[in-house]
N, C-alpha and C. Protein backbone atom coordinates (compact mmCIF):
# COMPACT_ATOMS: atom_id res chain seq x y z
N MET A 1 -93.40 82.61 88.86
CA MET A 1 -93.25 82.31 87.45
C MET A 1 -93.97 83.40 86.66
N SER A 2 -93.32 83.89 85.63
CA SER A 2 -93.90 84.96 84.84
C SER A 2 -94.96 84.42 83.88
N TYR A 3 -95.81 85.31 83.42
CA TYR A 3 -96.86 84.93 82.49
C TYR A 3 -96.28 84.33 81.22
N ARG A 4 -95.18 84.92 80.73
CA ARG A 4 -94.55 84.43 79.51
C ARG A 4 -94.08 82.98 79.67
N THR A 5 -93.54 82.66 80.83
CA THR A 5 -93.10 81.30 81.11
C THR A 5 -94.30 80.36 81.22
N GLU A 6 -95.39 80.83 81.80
CA GLU A 6 -96.57 80.00 81.97
C GLU A 6 -97.19 79.58 80.64
N ILE A 7 -97.16 80.45 79.64
CA ILE A 7 -97.79 80.11 78.36
C ILE A 7 -96.85 79.34 77.44
N ARG A 8 -95.61 79.15 77.86
CA ARG A 8 -94.63 78.37 77.08
C ARG A 8 -94.03 77.29 77.98
N PRO A 9 -94.81 76.23 78.26
CA PRO A 9 -94.33 75.22 79.21
C PRO A 9 -93.29 74.25 78.66
N TRP A 10 -93.19 74.10 77.34
CA TRP A 10 -92.21 73.18 76.76
C TRP A 10 -90.89 73.91 76.58
N ALA A 11 -89.83 73.34 77.14
CA ALA A 11 -88.52 73.99 77.10
C ALA A 11 -87.46 73.02 76.58
N ILE A 12 -86.45 73.60 75.94
CA ILE A 12 -85.28 72.83 75.52
C ILE A 12 -84.13 73.25 76.43
N PHE A 13 -83.53 72.25 77.07
CA PHE A 13 -82.39 72.50 77.94
C PHE A 13 -81.14 71.90 77.34
N ASN A 14 -80.05 72.63 77.47
CA ASN A 14 -78.73 72.12 77.11
C ASN A 14 -78.15 71.56 78.41
N CYS A 15 -78.03 70.24 78.48
CA CYS A 15 -77.59 69.57 79.70
C CYS A 15 -76.07 69.50 79.72
N ARG A 16 -75.49 70.15 80.71
CA ARG A 16 -74.04 70.19 80.88
C ARG A 16 -73.68 69.77 82.30
N LEU A 17 -72.42 69.42 82.48
CA LEU A 17 -71.95 69.07 83.81
C LEU A 17 -71.97 70.27 84.75
N SER A 18 -71.71 71.44 84.20
CA SER A 18 -71.69 72.65 85.02
C SER A 18 -73.08 73.17 85.36
N GLY A 19 -74.10 72.66 84.68
CA GLY A 19 -75.47 73.08 84.95
C GLY A 19 -76.30 73.09 83.69
N ASN A 20 -77.60 72.97 83.85
CA ASN A 20 -78.51 72.97 82.71
C ASN A 20 -78.87 74.39 82.32
N ILE A 21 -78.92 74.63 81.01
CA ILE A 21 -79.23 75.96 80.50
C ILE A 21 -80.48 75.86 79.63
N CYS A 22 -81.48 76.69 79.93
CA CYS A 22 -82.68 76.73 79.11
C CYS A 22 -82.35 77.49 77.83
N VAL A 23 -82.47 76.81 76.69
CA VAL A 23 -82.12 77.39 75.40
C VAL A 23 -83.31 78.14 74.82
N ALA A 24 -84.51 77.54 74.89
CA ALA A 24 -85.70 78.16 74.30
C ALA A 24 -86.95 77.56 74.94
N ARG A 25 -88.08 78.30 74.83
CA ARG A 25 -89.36 77.83 75.36
C ARG A 25 -90.40 77.90 74.25
N PHE A 26 -91.38 76.96 74.29
CA PHE A 26 -92.38 76.85 73.25
C PHE A 26 -93.75 76.54 73.85
N ARG A 27 -94.78 76.86 73.08
CA ARG A 27 -96.15 76.55 73.52
C ARG A 27 -96.52 75.10 73.26
N THR A 28 -95.97 74.51 72.19
CA THR A 28 -96.34 73.13 71.84
C THR A 28 -95.11 72.23 71.80
N ARG A 29 -95.34 70.95 72.07
CA ARG A 29 -94.25 69.96 72.05
C ARG A 29 -93.69 69.81 70.65
N SER A 30 -94.55 69.86 69.64
CA SER A 30 -94.07 69.68 68.26
C SER A 30 -93.13 70.81 67.84
N ASP A 31 -93.40 72.04 68.28
CA ASP A 31 -92.49 73.15 67.99
C ASP A 31 -91.14 72.93 68.67
N ALA A 32 -91.17 72.46 69.90
CA ALA A 32 -89.92 72.21 70.63
C ALA A 32 -89.12 71.09 69.97
N ASP A 33 -89.79 70.03 69.55
CA ASP A 33 -89.10 68.92 68.88
C ASP A 33 -88.47 69.37 67.56
N ALA A 34 -89.18 70.19 66.80
CA ALA A 34 -88.65 70.67 65.53
C ALA A 34 -87.42 71.55 65.75
N TYR A 35 -87.47 72.40 66.76
CA TYR A 35 -86.33 73.27 67.05
C TYR A 35 -85.14 72.46 67.56
N MET A 36 -85.42 71.43 68.35
CA MET A 36 -84.34 70.59 68.86
C MET A 36 -83.65 69.84 67.73
N THR A 37 -84.39 69.43 66.72
CA THR A 37 -83.80 68.79 65.55
C THR A 37 -82.79 69.72 64.88
N ILE A 38 -83.16 70.98 64.75
CA ILE A 38 -82.25 71.96 64.15
C ILE A 38 -81.02 72.17 65.04
N LEU A 39 -81.24 72.27 66.36
CA LEU A 39 -80.11 72.45 67.28
C LEU A 39 -79.13 71.29 67.19
N ARG A 40 -79.65 70.08 67.09
CA ARG A 40 -78.78 68.91 67.01
C ARG A 40 -78.00 68.87 65.70
N GLN A 41 -78.57 69.42 64.64
CA GLN A 41 -77.84 69.49 63.38
C GLN A 41 -76.74 70.55 63.45
N LEU A 42 -77.02 71.66 64.12
CA LEU A 42 -76.04 72.74 64.23
C LEU A 42 -74.94 72.45 65.25
N SER A 43 -75.30 71.70 66.28
CA SER A 43 -74.34 71.39 67.35
C SER A 43 -74.46 69.91 67.72
N PRO A 44 -73.85 69.03 66.91
CA PRO A 44 -73.98 67.58 67.15
C PRO A 44 -73.42 67.13 68.50
N SER A 45 -72.48 67.86 69.05
CA SER A 45 -71.89 67.45 70.33
C SER A 45 -72.72 67.91 71.53
N GLY A 46 -73.75 68.73 71.30
CA GLY A 46 -74.59 69.21 72.39
C GLY A 46 -75.52 68.14 72.90
N ASN A 47 -75.90 68.24 74.16
CA ASN A 47 -76.82 67.29 74.77
C ASN A 47 -78.10 68.05 75.11
N PHE A 48 -79.06 68.03 74.19
CA PHE A 48 -80.30 68.79 74.33
C PHE A 48 -81.45 67.86 74.72
N GLU A 49 -82.33 68.37 75.58
CA GLU A 49 -83.50 67.62 76.02
C GLU A 49 -84.73 68.52 76.01
N VAL A 50 -85.86 67.96 75.57
CA VAL A 50 -87.14 68.67 75.63
C VAL A 50 -87.83 68.25 76.92
N VAL A 51 -88.27 69.23 77.70
CA VAL A 51 -88.94 68.93 78.97
C VAL A 51 -90.20 69.78 79.10
N PHE A 52 -91.17 69.25 79.86
CA PHE A 52 -92.36 70.01 80.22
C PHE A 52 -92.04 70.68 81.54
N ASP A 53 -91.88 71.98 81.52
CA ASP A 53 -91.38 72.74 82.67
C ASP A 53 -92.47 73.65 83.21
N GLN A 54 -93.52 73.05 83.75
CA GLN A 54 -94.64 73.82 84.28
C GLN A 54 -94.68 73.64 85.79
N LEU A 55 -94.49 74.71 86.53
CA LEU A 55 -94.54 74.63 87.98
C LEU A 55 -95.99 74.65 88.45
N VAL A 56 -96.26 73.87 89.47
CA VAL A 56 -97.59 73.85 90.07
C VAL A 56 -97.47 74.50 91.44
N GLU A 57 -98.27 75.53 91.65
CA GLU A 57 -98.23 76.22 92.94
C GLU A 57 -99.06 75.45 93.96
N VAL A 58 -98.47 75.21 95.11
CA VAL A 58 -99.15 74.52 96.19
C VAL A 58 -99.53 75.55 97.24
N LYS A 59 -100.83 75.60 97.55
CA LYS A 59 -101.30 76.55 98.55
C LYS A 59 -101.54 75.81 99.86
N GLY A 60 -101.11 76.43 100.91
CA GLY A 60 -101.39 75.77 102.18
C GLY A 60 -100.45 76.08 103.26
């Protein structure tokens, strides 16, 4: 996982049958929610979800 991804754990995904697409990443949940509100206004038929997308590395 890149450093840029690590500092932006909140992501908005466009959920589709063909596969999920990461639309944008944010540092805070409130920023992601605000952006998702705009996305839903621009594309009412889209299926957008805010997720916490932080991978945890397991050593062993």
